[in-house]
Amino acid sequence: AAHGFDHVVVDEAQDLHPAQWRVLRAAV
């Protein structure tokens, strides 16, 4: 609630690495 987001929208997702996906998954 203090450090994350309510929604995450990802564009051009095909180039993201699993480590980058993990930080997005953790952000919401």
mmCIF file of all heavy atoms, coordinates in Angstrom:
data_MODEL
# 
_entry.id   MODEL 
# 
loop_
_atom_site.group_PDB 
_atom_site.id 
_atom_site.type_symbol 
_atom_site.label_atom_id 
_atom_site.label_alt_id 
_atom_site.label_comp_id 
_atom_site.label_asym_id 
_atom_site.label_entity_id 
_atom_site.label_seq_id 
_atom_site.pdbx_PDB_ins_code 
_atom_site.Cartn_x 
_atom_site.Cartn_y 
_atom_site.Cartn_z 
_atom_site.occupancy 
_atom_site.B_iso_or_equiv 
_atom_site.pdbx_formal_charge 
_atom_site.auth_seq_id 
_atom_site.auth_comp_id 
_atom_site.auth_asym_id 
_atom_site.auth_atom_id 
_atom_site.pdbx_PDB_model_num 
ATOM 1   N N   . ALA A 1 1  ? 0.828  -1.206  0.000   1.00 0.00 ? 1  ALA A N   1 
ATOM 2   C CA  . ALA A 1 1  ? 0.000  0.000   0.000   1.00 0.00 ? 1  ALA A CA  1 
ATOM 3   C C   . ALA A 1 1  ? 0.863  1.257   0.000   1.00 0.00 ? 1  ALA A C   1 
ATOM 4   O O   . ALA A 1 1  ? 0.460  2.303   -0.509  1.00 0.00 ? 1  ALA A O   1 
ATOM 5   C CB  . ALA A 1 1  ? -0.912 -0.004  1.217   1.00 0.00 ? 1  ALA A CB  1 
ATOM 6   N N   . ALA A 1 2  ? 2.079  1.132   0.552   1.00 0.00 ? 2  ALA A N   1 
ATOM 7   C CA  . ALA A 1 2  ? 2.980  2.284   0.617   1.00 0.00 ? 2  ALA A CA  1 
ATOM 8   C C   . ALA A 1 2  ? 3.986  2.297   -0.518  1.00 0.00 ? 2  ALA A C   1 
ATOM 9   O O   . ALA A 1 2  ? 4.403  3.367   -0.974  1.00 0.00 ? 2  ALA A O   1 
ATOM 10  C CB  . ALA A 1 2  ? 3.712  2.294   1.960   1.00 0.00 ? 2  ALA A CB  1 
ATOM 11  N N   . HIS A 1 3  ? 4.399  1.112   -0.958  1.00 0.00 ? 3  HIS A N   1 
ATOM 12  C CA  . HIS A 1 3  ? 5.499  1.050   -1.926  1.00 0.00 ? 3  HIS A CA  1 
ATOM 13  C C   . HIS A 1 3  ? 5.126  0.401   -3.250  1.00 0.00 ? 3  HIS A C   1 
ATOM 14  O O   . HIS A 1 3  ? 5.940  0.383   -4.168  1.00 0.00 ? 3  HIS A O   1 
ATOM 15  C CB  . HIS A 1 3  ? 6.676  0.285   -1.314  1.00 0.00 ? 3  HIS A CB  1 
ATOM 16  C CG  . HIS A 1 3  ? 7.234  0.920   -0.082  1.00 0.00 ? 3  HIS A CG  1 
ATOM 17  N ND1 . HIS A 1 3  ? 8.045  2.027   -0.123  1.00 0.00 ? 3  HIS A ND1 1 
ATOM 18  C CD2 . HIS A 1 3  ? 7.079  0.622   1.230   1.00 0.00 ? 3  HIS A CD2 1 
ATOM 19  C CE1 . HIS A 1 3  ? 8.383  2.380   1.103   1.00 0.00 ? 3  HIS A CE1 1 
ATOM 20  N NE2 . HIS A 1 3  ? 7.806  1.549   1.948   1.00 0.00 ? 3  HIS A NE2 1 
ATOM 21  N N   . GLY A 1 4  ? 3.929  -0.145  -3.353  1.00 0.00 ? 4  GLY A N   1 
ATOM 22  C CA  . GLY A 1 4  ? 3.533  -0.819  -4.580  1.00 0.00 ? 4  GLY A CA  1 
ATOM 23  C C   . GLY A 1 4  ? 2.488  -0.039  -5.350  1.00 0.00 ? 4  GLY A C   1 
ATOM 24  O O   . GLY A 1 4  ? 2.325  1.180   -5.174  1.00 0.00 ? 4  GLY A O   1 
ATOM 25  N N   . PHE A 1 5  ? 1.755  -0.751  -6.199  1.00 0.00 ? 5  PHE A N   1 
ATOM 26  C CA  . PHE A 1 5  ? 0.734  -0.145  -7.047  1.00 0.00 ? 5  PHE A CA  1 
ATOM 27  C C   . PHE A 1 5  ? -0.538 -0.969  -6.967  1.00 0.00 ? 5  PHE A C   1 
ATOM 28  O O   . PHE A 1 5  ? -0.524 -2.142  -6.604  1.00 0.00 ? 5  PHE A O   1 
ATOM 29  C CB  . PHE A 1 5  ? 1.227  -0.066  -8.497  1.00 0.00 ? 5  PHE A CB  1 
ATOM 30  C CG  . PHE A 1 5  ? 2.332  0.934   -8.705  1.00 0.00 ? 5  PHE A CG  1 
ATOM 31  C CD1 . PHE A 1 5  ? 3.653  0.590   -8.462  1.00 0.00 ? 5  PHE A CD1 1 
ATOM 32  C CD2 . PHE A 1 5  ? 2.051  2.220   -9.111  1.00 0.00 ? 5  PHE A CD2 1 
ATOM 33  C CE1 . PHE A 1 5  ? 4.676  1.508   -8.633  1.00 0.00 ? 5  PHE A CE1 1 
ATOM 34  C CE2 . PHE A 1 5  ? 3.057  3.155   -9.282  1.00 0.00 ? 5  PHE A CE2 1 
ATOM 35  C CZ  . PHE A 1 5  ? 4.369  2.799   -9.044  1.00 0.00 ? 5  PHE A CZ  1 
ATOM 36  N N   . ASP A 1 6  ? -1.635 -0.340  -7.352  1.00 0.00 ? 6  ASP A N   1 
ATOM 37  C CA  . ASP A 1 6  ? -2.910 -1.055  -7.400  1.00 0.00 ? 6  ASP A CA  1 
ATOM 38  C C   . ASP A 1 6  ? -3.052 -1.837  -8.704  1.00 0.00 ? 6  ASP A C   1 
ATOM 39  O O   . ASP A 1 6  ? -3.733 -2.863  -8.739  1.00 0.00 ? 6  ASP A O   1 
ATOM 40  C CB  . ASP A 1 6  ? -4.060 -0.056  -7.264  1.00 0.00 ? 6  ASP A CB  1 
ATOM 41  C CG  . ASP A 1 6  ? -3.998 0.695   -5.953  1.00 0.00 ? 6  ASP A CG  1 
ATOM 42  O OD1 . ASP A 1 6  ? -4.283 0.085   -4.911  1.00 0.00 ? 6  ASP A OD1 1 
ATOM 43  O OD2 . ASP A 1 6  ? -3.625 1.891   -5.977  1.00 0.00 ? 6  ASP A OD2 1 
ATOM 44  N N   . HIS A 1 7  ? -2.419 -1.322  -9.762  1.00 0.00 ? 7  HIS A N   1 
ATOM 45  C CA  . HIS A 1 7  ? -2.480 -1.981  -11.065 1.00 0.00 ? 7  HIS A CA  1 
ATOM 46  C C   . HIS A 1 7  ? -1.136 -1.789  -11.773 1.00 0.00 ? 7  HIS A C   1 
ATOM 47  O O   . HIS A 1 7  ? -0.501 -0.736  -11.644 1.00 0.00 ? 7  HIS A O   1 
ATOM 48  C CB  . HIS A 1 7  ? -3.584 -1.386  -11.940 1.00 0.00 ? 7  HIS A CB  1 
ATOM 49  C CG  . HIS A 1 7  ? -4.906 -1.251  -11.250 1.00 0.00 ? 7  HIS A CG  1 
ATOM 50  N ND1 . HIS A 1 7  ? -5.737 -2.320  -11.026 1.00 0.00 ? 7  HIS A ND1 1 
ATOM 51  C CD2 . HIS A 1 7  ? -5.541 -0.154  -10.729 1.00 0.00 ? 7  HIS A CD2 1 
ATOM 52  C CE1 . HIS A 1 7  ? -6.829 -1.902  -10.406 1.00 0.00 ? 7  HIS A CE1 1 
ATOM 53  N NE2 . HIS A 1 7  ? -6.732 -0.591  -10.205 1.00 0.00 ? 7  HIS A NE2 1 
ATOM 54  N N   . VAL A 1 8  ? -0.729 -2.793  -12.526 1.00 0.00 ? 8  VAL A N   1 
ATOM 55  C CA  . VAL A 1 8  ? 0.470  -2.697  -13.352 1.00 0.00 ? 8  VAL A CA  1 
ATOM 56  C C   . VAL A 1 8  ? 0.089  -3.014  -14.796 1.00 0.00 ? 8  VAL A C   1 
ATOM 57  O O   . VAL A 1 8  ? -0.525 -4.052  -15.066 1.00 0.00 ? 8  VAL A O   1 
ATOM 58  C CB  . VAL A 1 8  ? 1.573  -3.667  -12.877 1.00 0.00 ? 8  VAL A CB  1 
ATOM 59  C CG1 . VAL A 1 8  ? 2.747  -3.661  -13.859 1.00 0.00 ? 8  VAL A CG1 1 
ATOM 60  C CG2 . VAL A 1 8  ? 2.050  -3.294  -11.482 1.00 0.00 ? 8  VAL A CG2 1 
ATOM 61  N N   . VAL A 1 9  ? 0.426  -2.110  -15.711 1.00 0.00 ? 9  VAL A N   1 
ATOM 62  C CA  . VAL A 1 9  ? 0.170  -2.297  -17.140 1.00 0.00 ? 9  VAL A CA  1 
ATOM 63  C C   . VAL A 1 9  ? 1.524  -2.377  -17.838 1.00 0.00 ? 9  VAL A C   1 
ATOM 64  O O   . VAL A 1 9  ? 2.370  -1.492  -17.674 1.00 0.00 ? 9  VAL A O   1 
ATOM 65  C CB  . VAL A 1 9  ? -0.671 -1.138  -17.712 1.00 0.00 ? 9  VAL A CB  1 
ATOM 66  C CG1 . VAL A 1 9  ? -0.869 -1.310  -19.211 1.00 0.00 ? 9  VAL A CG1 1 
ATOM 67  C CG2 . VAL A 1 9  ? -2.031 -1.077  -16.999 1.00 0.00 ? 9  VAL A CG2 1 
ATOM 68  N N   . VAL A 1 10 ? 1.733  -3.449  -18.609 1.00 0.00 ? 10 VAL A N   1 
ATOM 69  C CA  . VAL A 1 10 ? 3.032  -3.732  -19.223 1.00 0.00 ? 10 VAL A CA  1 
ATOM 70  C C   . VAL A 1 10 ? 2.895  -3.704  -20.739 1.00 0.00 ? 10 VAL A C   1 
ATOM 71  O O   . VAL A 1 10 ? 2.066  -4.427  -21.305 1.00 0.00 ? 10 VAL A O   1 
ATOM 72  C CB  . VAL A 1 10 ? 3.568  -5.110  -18.784 1.00 0.00 ? 10 VAL A CB  1 
ATOM 73  C CG1 . VAL A 1 10 ? 4.987  -5.312  -19.297 1.00 0.00 ? 10 VAL A CG1 1 
ATOM 74  C CG2 . VAL A 1 10 ? 3.509  -5.258  -17.271 1.00 0.00 ? 10 VAL A CG2 1 
ATOM 75  N N   . ASP A 1 11 ? 3.690  -2.885  -21.404 1.00 0.00 ? 11 ASP A N   1 
ATOM 76  C CA  . ASP A 1 11 ? 3.709  -2.839  -22.867 1.00 0.00 ? 11 ASP A CA  1 
ATOM 77  C C   . ASP A 1 11 ? 5.016  -3.430  -23.384 1.00 0.00 ? 11 ASP A C   1 
ATOM 78  O O   . ASP A 1 11 ? 6.056  -3.340  -22.733 1.00 0.00 ? 11 ASP A O   1 
ATOM 79  C CB  . ASP A 1 11 ? 3.555  -1.392  -23.345 1.00 0.00 ? 11 ASP A CB  1 
ATOM 80  C CG  . ASP A 1 11 ? 3.316  -1.302  -24.850 1.00 0.00 ? 11 ASP A CG  1 
ATOM 81  O OD1 . ASP A 1 11 ? 2.610  -2.174  -25.382 1.00 0.00 ? 11 ASP A OD1 1 
ATOM 82  O OD2 . ASP A 1 11 ? 3.835  -0.368  -25.473 1.00 0.00 ? 11 ASP A OD2 1 
ATOM 83  N N   . GLU A 1 12 ? 4.971  -4.032  -24.588 1.00 0.00 ? 12 GLU A N   1 
ATOM 84  C CA  . GLU A 1 12 ? 6.134  -4.692  -25.189 1.00 0.00 ? 12 GLU A CA  1 
ATOM 85  C C   . GLU A 1 12 ? 6.691  -5.749  -24.239 1.00 0.00 ? 12 GLU A C   1 
ATOM 86  O O   . GLU A 1 12 ? 7.900  -5.837  -23.992 1.00 0.00 ? 12 GLU A O   1 
ATOM 87  C CB  . GLU A 1 12 ? 7.212  -3.662  -25.553 1.00 0.00 ? 12 GLU A CB  1 
ATOM 88  C CG  . GLU A 1 12 ? 6.759  -2.619  -26.558 1.00 0.00 ? 12 GLU A CG  1 
ATOM 89  C CD  . GLU A 1 12 ? 6.536  -3.162  -27.969 1.00 0.00 ? 12 GLU A CD  1 
ATOM 90  O OE1 . GLU A 1 12 ? 6.856  -4.342  -28.220 1.00 0.00 ? 12 GLU A OE1 1 
ATOM 91  O OE2 . GLU A 1 12 ? 6.029  -2.412  -28.821 1.00 0.00 ? 12 GLU A OE2 1 
ATOM 92  N N   . ALA A 1 13 ? 5.805  -6.577  -23.746 1.00 0.00 ? 13 ALA A N   1 
ATOM 93  C CA  . ALA A 1 13 ? 6.171  -7.539  -22.701 1.00 0.00 ? 13 ALA A CA  1 
ATOM 94  C C   . ALA A 1 13 ? 7.072  -8.657  -23.186 1.00 0.00 ? 13 ALA A C   1 
ATOM 95  O O   . ALA A 1 13 ? 7.716  -9.330  -22.371 1.00 0.00 ? 13 ALA A O   1 
ATOM 96  C CB  . ALA A 1 13 ? 4.888  -8.139  -22.101 1.00 0.00 ? 13 ALA A CB  1 
ATOM 97  N N   . GLN A 1 14 ? 7.146  -8.874  -24.475 1.00 0.00 ? 14 GLN A N   1 
ATOM 98  C CA  . GLN A 1 14 ? 7.881  -10.032 -24.991 1.00 0.00 ? 14 GLN A CA  1 
ATOM 99  C C   . GLN A 1 14 ? 9.379  -9.973  -24.707 1.00 0.00 ? 14 GLN A C   1 
ATOM 100 O O   . GLN A 1 14 ? 10.052 -10.993 -24.752 1.00 0.00 ? 14 GLN A O   1 
ATOM 101 C CB  . GLN A 1 14 ? 7.661  -10.181 -26.501 1.00 0.00 ? 14 GLN A CB  1 
ATOM 102 C CG  . GLN A 1 14 ? 8.289  -9.104  -27.371 1.00 0.00 ? 14 GLN A CG  1 
ATOM 103 C CD  . GLN A 1 14 ? 7.439  -7.855  -27.477 1.00 0.00 ? 14 GLN A CD  1 
ATOM 104 O OE1 . GLN A 1 14 ? 6.305  -7.827  -27.013 1.00 0.00 ? 14 GLN A OE1 1 
ATOM 105 N NE2 . GLN A 1 14 ? 7.985  -6.809  -28.079 1.00 0.00 ? 14 GLN A NE2 1 
ATOM 106 N N   . ASP A 1 15 ? 9.914  -8.800  -24.411 1.00 0.00 ? 15 ASP A N   1 
ATOM 107 C CA  . ASP A 1 15 ? 11.352 -8.675  -24.201 1.00 0.00 ? 15 ASP A CA  1 
ATOM 108 C C   . ASP A 1 15 ? 11.757 -8.682  -22.732 1.00 0.00 ? 15 ASP A C   1 
ATOM 109 O O   . ASP A 1 15 ? 12.934 -8.513  -22.414 1.00 0.00 ? 15 ASP A O   1 
ATOM 110 C CB  . ASP A 1 15 ? 11.877 -7.392  -24.869 1.00 0.00 ? 15 ASP A CB  1 
ATOM 111 C CG  . ASP A 1 15 ? 12.006 -7.542  -26.382 1.00 0.00 ? 15 ASP A CG  1 
ATOM 112 O OD1 . ASP A 1 15 ? 12.462 -8.617  -26.823 1.00 0.00 ? 15 ASP A OD1 1 
ATOM 113 O OD2 . ASP A 1 15 ? 11.629 -6.616  -27.103 1.00 0.00 ? 15 ASP A OD2 1 
ATOM 114 N N   . LEU A 1 16 ? 10.814 -8.883  -21.838 1.00 0.00 ? 16 LEU A N   1 
ATOM 115 C CA  . LEU A 1 16 ? 11.146 -8.865  -20.419 1.00 0.00 ? 16 LEU A CA  1 
ATOM 116 C C   . LEU A 1 16 ? 11.686 -10.211 -19.955 1.00 0.00 ? 16 LEU A C   1 
ATOM 117 O O   . LEU A 1 16 ? 11.201 -11.271 -20.343 1.00 0.00 ? 16 LEU A O   1 
ATOM 118 C CB  . LEU A 1 16 ? 9.917  -8.497  -19.588 1.00 0.00 ? 16 LEU A CB  1 
ATOM 119 C CG  . LEU A 1 16 ? 9.336  -7.102  -19.822 1.00 0.00 ? 16 LEU A CG  1 
ATOM 120 C CD1 . LEU A 1 16 ? 8.180  -6.855  -18.868 1.00 0.00 ? 16 LEU A CD1 1 
ATOM 121 C CD2 . LEU A 1 16 ? 10.397 -6.028  -19.660 1.00 0.00 ? 16 LEU A CD2 1 
ATOM 122 N N   . HIS A 1 17 ? 12.689 -10.162 -19.106 1.00 0.00 ? 17 HIS A N   1 
ATOM 123 C CA  . HIS A 1 17 ? 13.340 -11.340 -18.537 1.00 0.00 ? 17 HIS A CA  1 
ATOM 124 C C   . HIS A 1 17 ? 12.552 -11.796 -17.301 1.00 0.00 ? 17 HIS A C   1 
ATOM 125 O O   . HIS A 1 17 ? 11.874 -10.987 -16.646 1.00 0.00 ? 17 HIS A O   1 
ATOM 126 C CB  . HIS A 1 17 ? 14.780 -10.963 -18.150 1.00 0.00 ? 17 HIS A CB  1 
ATOM 127 C CG  . HIS A 1 17 ? 15.593 -12.085 -17.633 1.00 0.00 ? 17 HIS A CG  1 
ATOM 128 N ND1 . HIS A 1 17 ? 15.589 -12.466 -16.301 1.00 0.00 ? 17 HIS A ND1 1 
ATOM 129 C CD2 . HIS A 1 17 ? 16.464 -12.921 -18.252 1.00 0.00 ? 17 HIS A CD2 1 
ATOM 130 C CE1 . HIS A 1 17 ? 16.414 -13.482 -16.133 1.00 0.00 ? 17 HIS A CE1 1 
ATOM 131 N NE2 . HIS A 1 17 ? 16.957 -13.783 -17.300 1.00 0.00 ? 17 HIS A NE2 1 
ATOM 132 N N   . PRO A 1 18 ? 12.630 -13.088 -16.924 1.00 0.00 ? 18 PRO A N   1 
ATOM 133 C CA  . PRO A 1 18 ? 11.932 -13.546 -15.719 1.00 0.00 ? 18 PRO A CA  1 
ATOM 134 C C   . PRO A 1 18 ? 12.241 -12.716 -14.476 1.00 0.00 ? 18 PRO A C   1 
ATOM 135 O O   . PRO A 1 18 ? 11.358 -12.496 -13.636 1.00 0.00 ? 18 PRO A O   1 
ATOM 136 C CB  . PRO A 1 18 ? 12.416 -14.992 -15.563 1.00 0.00 ? 18 PRO A CB  1 
ATOM 137 C CG  . PRO A 1 18 ? 12.670 -15.440 -16.970 1.00 0.00 ? 18 PRO A CG  1 
ATOM 138 C CD  . PRO A 1 18 ? 13.204 -14.228 -17.673 1.00 0.00 ? 18 PRO A CD  1 
ATOM 139 N N   . ALA A 1 19 ? 13.486 -12.240 -14.329 1.00 0.00 ? 19 ALA A N   1 
ATOM 140 C CA  . ALA A 1 19 ? 13.813 -11.404 -13.163 1.00 0.00 ? 19 ALA A CA  1 
ATOM 141 C C   . ALA A 1 19 ? 13.028 -10.101 -13.186 1.00 0.00 ? 19 ALA A C   1 
ATOM 142 O O   . ALA A 1 19 ? 12.644 -9.572  -12.126 1.00 0.00 ? 19 ALA A O   1 
ATOM 143 C CB  . ALA A 1 19 ? 15.317 -11.117 -13.135 1.00 0.00 ? 19 ALA A CB  1 
ATOM 144 N N   . GLN A 1 20 ? 12.787 -9.566  -14.379 1.00 0.00 ? 20 GLN A N   1 
ATOM 145 C CA  . GLN A 1 20 ? 11.988 -8.348  -14.494 1.00 0.00 ? 20 GLN A CA  1 
ATOM 146 C C   . GLN A 1 20 ? 10.514 -8.635  -14.222 1.00 0.00 ? 20 GLN A C   1 
ATOM 147 O O   . GLN A 1 20 ? 9.815  -7.831  -13.593 1.00 0.00 ? 20 GLN A O   1 
ATOM 148 C CB  . GLN A 1 20 ? 12.179 -7.742  -15.883 1.00 0.00 ? 20 GLN A CB  1 
ATOM 149 C CG  . GLN A 1 20 ? 13.609 -7.247  -16.119 1.00 0.00 ? 20 GLN A CG  1 
ATOM 150 C CD  . GLN A 1 20 ? 13.862 -6.887  -17.566 1.00 0.00 ? 20 GLN A CD  1 
ATOM 151 O OE1 . GLN A 1 20 ? 13.520 -7.635  -18.481 1.00 0.00 ? 20 GLN A OE1 1 
ATOM 152 N NE2 . GLN A 1 20 ? 14.464 -5.730  -17.781 1.00 0.00 ? 20 GLN A NE2 1 
ATOM 153 N N   . TRP A 1 21 ? 10.040 -9.789  -14.645 1.00 0.00 ? 21 TRP A N   1 
ATOM 154 C CA  . TRP A 1 21 ? 8.663  -10.172 -14.348 1.00 0.00 ? 21 TRP A CA  1 
ATOM 155 C C   . TRP A 1 21 ? 8.455  -10.331 -12.840 1.00 0.00 ? 21 TRP A C   1 
ATOM 156 O O   . TRP A 1 21 ? 7.390  -9.998  -12.316 1.00 0.00 ? 21 TRP A O   1 
ATOM 157 C CB  . TRP A 1 21 ? 8.298  -11.468 -15.066 1.00 0.00 ? 21 TRP A CB  1 
ATOM 158 C CG  . TRP A 1 21 ? 7.958  -11.273 -16.505 1.00 0.00 ? 21 TRP A CG  1 
ATOM 159 C CD1 . TRP A 1 21 ? 8.676  -11.696 -17.596 1.00 0.00 ? 21 TRP A CD1 1 
ATOM 160 C CD2 . TRP A 1 21 ? 6.815  -10.606 -17.033 1.00 0.00 ? 21 TRP A CD2 1 
ATOM 161 N NE1 . TRP A 1 21 ? 8.055  -11.316 -18.758 1.00 0.00 ? 21 TRP A NE1 1 
ATOM 162 C CE2 . TRP A 1 21 ? 6.911  -10.645 -18.442 1.00 0.00 ? 21 TRP A CE2 1 
ATOM 163 C CE3 . TRP A 1 21 ? 5.726  -9.958  -16.443 1.00 0.00 ? 21 TRP A CE3 1 
ATOM 164 C CZ2 . TRP A 1 21 ? 5.943  -10.077 -19.264 1.00 0.00 ? 21 TRP A CZ2 1 
ATOM 165 C CZ3 . TRP A 1 21 ? 4.762  -9.388  -17.265 1.00 0.00 ? 21 TRP A CZ3 1 
ATOM 166 C CH2 . TRP A 1 21 ? 4.874  -9.448  -18.662 1.00 0.00 ? 21 TRP A CH2 1 
ATOM 167 N N   . ARG A 1 22 ? 9.472  -10.847 -12.147 1.00 0.00 ? 22 ARG A N   1 
ATOM 168 C CA  . ARG A 1 22 ? 9.322  -11.049 -10.698 1.00 0.00 ? 22 ARG A CA  1 
ATOM 169 C C   . ARG A 1 22 ? 9.139  -9.725  -9.963  1.00 0.00 ? 22 ARG A C   1 
ATOM 170 O O   . ARG A 1 22 ? 8.357  -9.634  -9.012  1.00 0.00 ? 22 ARG A O   1 
ATOM 171 C CB  . ARG A 1 22 ? 10.531 -11.809 -10.143 1.00 0.00 ? 22 ARG A CB  1 
ATOM 172 C CG  . ARG A 1 22 ? 10.558 -13.271 -10.532 1.00 0.00 ? 22 ARG A CG  1 
ATOM 173 C CD  . ARG A 1 22 ? 11.608 -14.063 -9.760  1.00 0.00 ? 22 ARG A CD  1 
ATOM 174 N NE  . ARG A 1 22 ? 11.692 -15.415 -10.291 1.00 0.00 ? 22 ARG A NE  1 
ATOM 175 C CZ  . ARG A 1 22 ? 12.545 -15.798 -11.242 1.00 0.00 ? 22 ARG A CZ  1 
ATOM 176 N NH1 . ARG A 1 22 ? 13.420 -14.928 -11.721 1.00 0.00 ? 22 ARG A NH1 1 
ATOM 177 N NH2 . ARG A 1 22 ? 12.537 -17.037 -11.685 1.00 0.00 ? 22 ARG A NH2 1 
ATOM 178 N N   . VAL A 1 23 ? 9.855  -8.697  -10.401 1.00 0.00 ? 23 VAL A N   1 
ATOM 179 C CA  . VAL A 1 23 ? 9.705  -7.413  -9.717  1.00 0.00 ? 23 VAL A CA  1 
ATOM 180 C C   . VAL A 1 23 ? 8.332  -6.808  -10.018 1.00 0.00 ? 23 VAL A C   1 
ATOM 181 O O   . VAL A 1 23 ? 7.716  -6.170  -9.157  1.00 0.00 ? 23 VAL A O   1 
ATOM 182 C CB  . VAL A 1 23 ? 10.855 -6.442  -10.073 1.00 0.00 ? 23 VAL A CB  1 
ATOM 183 C CG1 . VAL A 1 23 ? 10.731 -5.896  -11.476 1.00 0.00 ? 23 VAL A CG1 1 
ATOM 184 C CG2 . VAL A 1 23 ? 10.896 -5.283  -9.086  1.00 0.00 ? 23 VAL A CG2 1 
ATOM 185 N N   . LEU A 1 24 ? 7.802  -7.041  -11.212 1.00 0.00 ? 24 LEU A N   1 
ATOM 186 C CA  . LEU A 1 24 ? 6.462  -6.550  -11.531 1.00 0.00 ? 24 LEU A CA  1 
ATOM 187 C C   . LEU A 1 24 ? 5.400  -7.326  -10.762 1.00 0.00 ? 24 LEU A C   1 
ATOM 188 O O   . LEU A 1 24 ? 4.425  -6.745  -10.266 1.00 0.00 ? 24 LEU A O   1 
ATOM 189 C CB  . LEU A 1 24 ? 6.207  -6.656  -13.039 1.00 0.00 ? 24 LEU A CB  1 
ATOM 190 C CG  . LEU A 1 24 ? 7.078  -5.761  -13.928 1.00 0.00 ? 24 LEU A CG  1 
ATOM 191 C CD1 . LEU A 1 24 ? 6.753  -5.986  -15.390 1.00 0.00 ? 24 LEU A CD1 1 
ATOM 192 C CD2 . LEU A 1 24 ? 6.920  -4.288  -13.560 1.00 0.00 ? 24 LEU A CD2 1 
ATOM 193 N N   . ARG A 1 25 ? 5.607  -8.643  -10.663 1.00 0.00 ? 25 ARG A N   1 
ATOM 194 C CA  . ARG A 1 25 ? 4.665  -9.458  -9.900  1.00 0.00 ? 25 ARG A CA  1 
ATOM 195 C C   . ARG A 1 25 ? 4.658  -9.020  -8.428  1.00 0.00 ? 25 ARG A C   1 
ATOM 196 O O   . ARG A 1 25 ? 3.603  -8.991  -7.775  1.00 0.00 ? 25 ARG A O   1 
ATOM 197 C CB  . ARG A 1 25 ? 5.057  -10.927 -10.020 1.00 0.00 ? 25 ARG A CB  1 
ATOM 198 C CG  . ARG A 1 25 ? 4.260  -11.953 -9.192  1.00 0.00 ? 25 ARG A CG  1 
ATOM 199 C CD  . ARG A 1 25 ? 2.806  -12.086 -9.625  1.00 0.00 ? 25 ARG A CD  1 
ATOM 200 N NE  . ARG A 1 25 ? 1.961  -11.002 -9.129  1.00 0.00 ? 25 ARG A NE  1 
ATOM 201 C CZ  . ARG A 1 25 ? 0.663  -10.872 -9.385  1.00 0.00 ? 25 ARG A CZ  1 
ATOM 202 N NH1 . ARG A 1 25 ? 0.068  -11.768 -10.166 1.00 0.00 ? 25 ARG A NH1 1 
ATOM 203 N NH2 . ARG A 1 25 ? -0.024 -9.870  -8.898  1.00 0.00 ? 25 ARG A NH2 1 
ATOM 204 N N   . ALA A 1 26 ? 5.843  -8.652  -7.931  1.00 0.00 ? 26 ALA A N   1 
ATOM 205 C CA  . ALA A 1 26 ? 5.950  -8.237  -6.523  1.00 0.00 ? 26 ALA A CA  1 
ATOM 206 C C   . ALA A 1 26 ? 5.420  -6.830  -6.287  1.00 0.00 ? 26 ALA A C   1 
ATOM 207 O O   . ALA A 1 26 ? 5.135  -6.457  -5.146  1.00 0.00 ? 26 ALA A O   1 
ATOM 208 C CB  . ALA A 1 26 ? 7.406  -8.319  -6.074  1.00 0.00 ? 26 ALA A CB  1 
ATOM 209 N N   . ALA A 1 27 ? 5.271  -6.037  -7.353  1.00 0.00 ? 27 ALA A N   1 
ATOM 210 C CA  . ALA A 1 27 ? 4.867  -4.634  -7.199  1.00 0.00 ? 27 ALA A CA  1 
ATOM 211 C C   . ALA A 1 27 ? 3.372  -4.454  -7.019  1.00 0.00 ? 27 ALA A C   1 
ATOM 212 O O   . ALA A 1 27 ? 2.919  -3.353  -6.678  1.00 0.00 ? 27 ALA A O   1 
ATOM 213 C CB  . ALA A 1 27 ? 5.331  -3.821  -8.407  1.00 0.00 ? 27 ALA A CB  1 
ATOM 214 N N   . VAL A 1 28 ? 2.593  -5.502  -7.243  1.00 0.00 ? 28 VAL A N   1 
ATOM 215 C CA  . VAL A 1 28 ? 1.141  -5.405  -7.131  1.00 0.00 ? 28 VAL A CA  1 
ATOM 216 C C   . VAL A 1 28 ? 0.608  -6.676  -6.488  1.00 0.00 ? 28 VAL A C   1 
ATOM 217 O O   . VAL A 1 28 ? 1.055  -7.779  -6.814  1.00 0.00 ? 28 VAL A O   1 
ATOM 218 C CB  . VAL A 1 28 ? 0.500  -5.168  -8.521  1.00 0.00 ? 28 VAL A CB  1 
ATOM 219 C CG1 . VAL A 1 28 ? 0.823  -6.291  -9.489  1.00 0.00 ? 28 VAL A CG1 1 
ATOM 220 C CG2 . VAL A 1 28 ? -1.007 -4.974  -8.406  1.00 0.00 ? 28 VAL A CG2 1 
# 
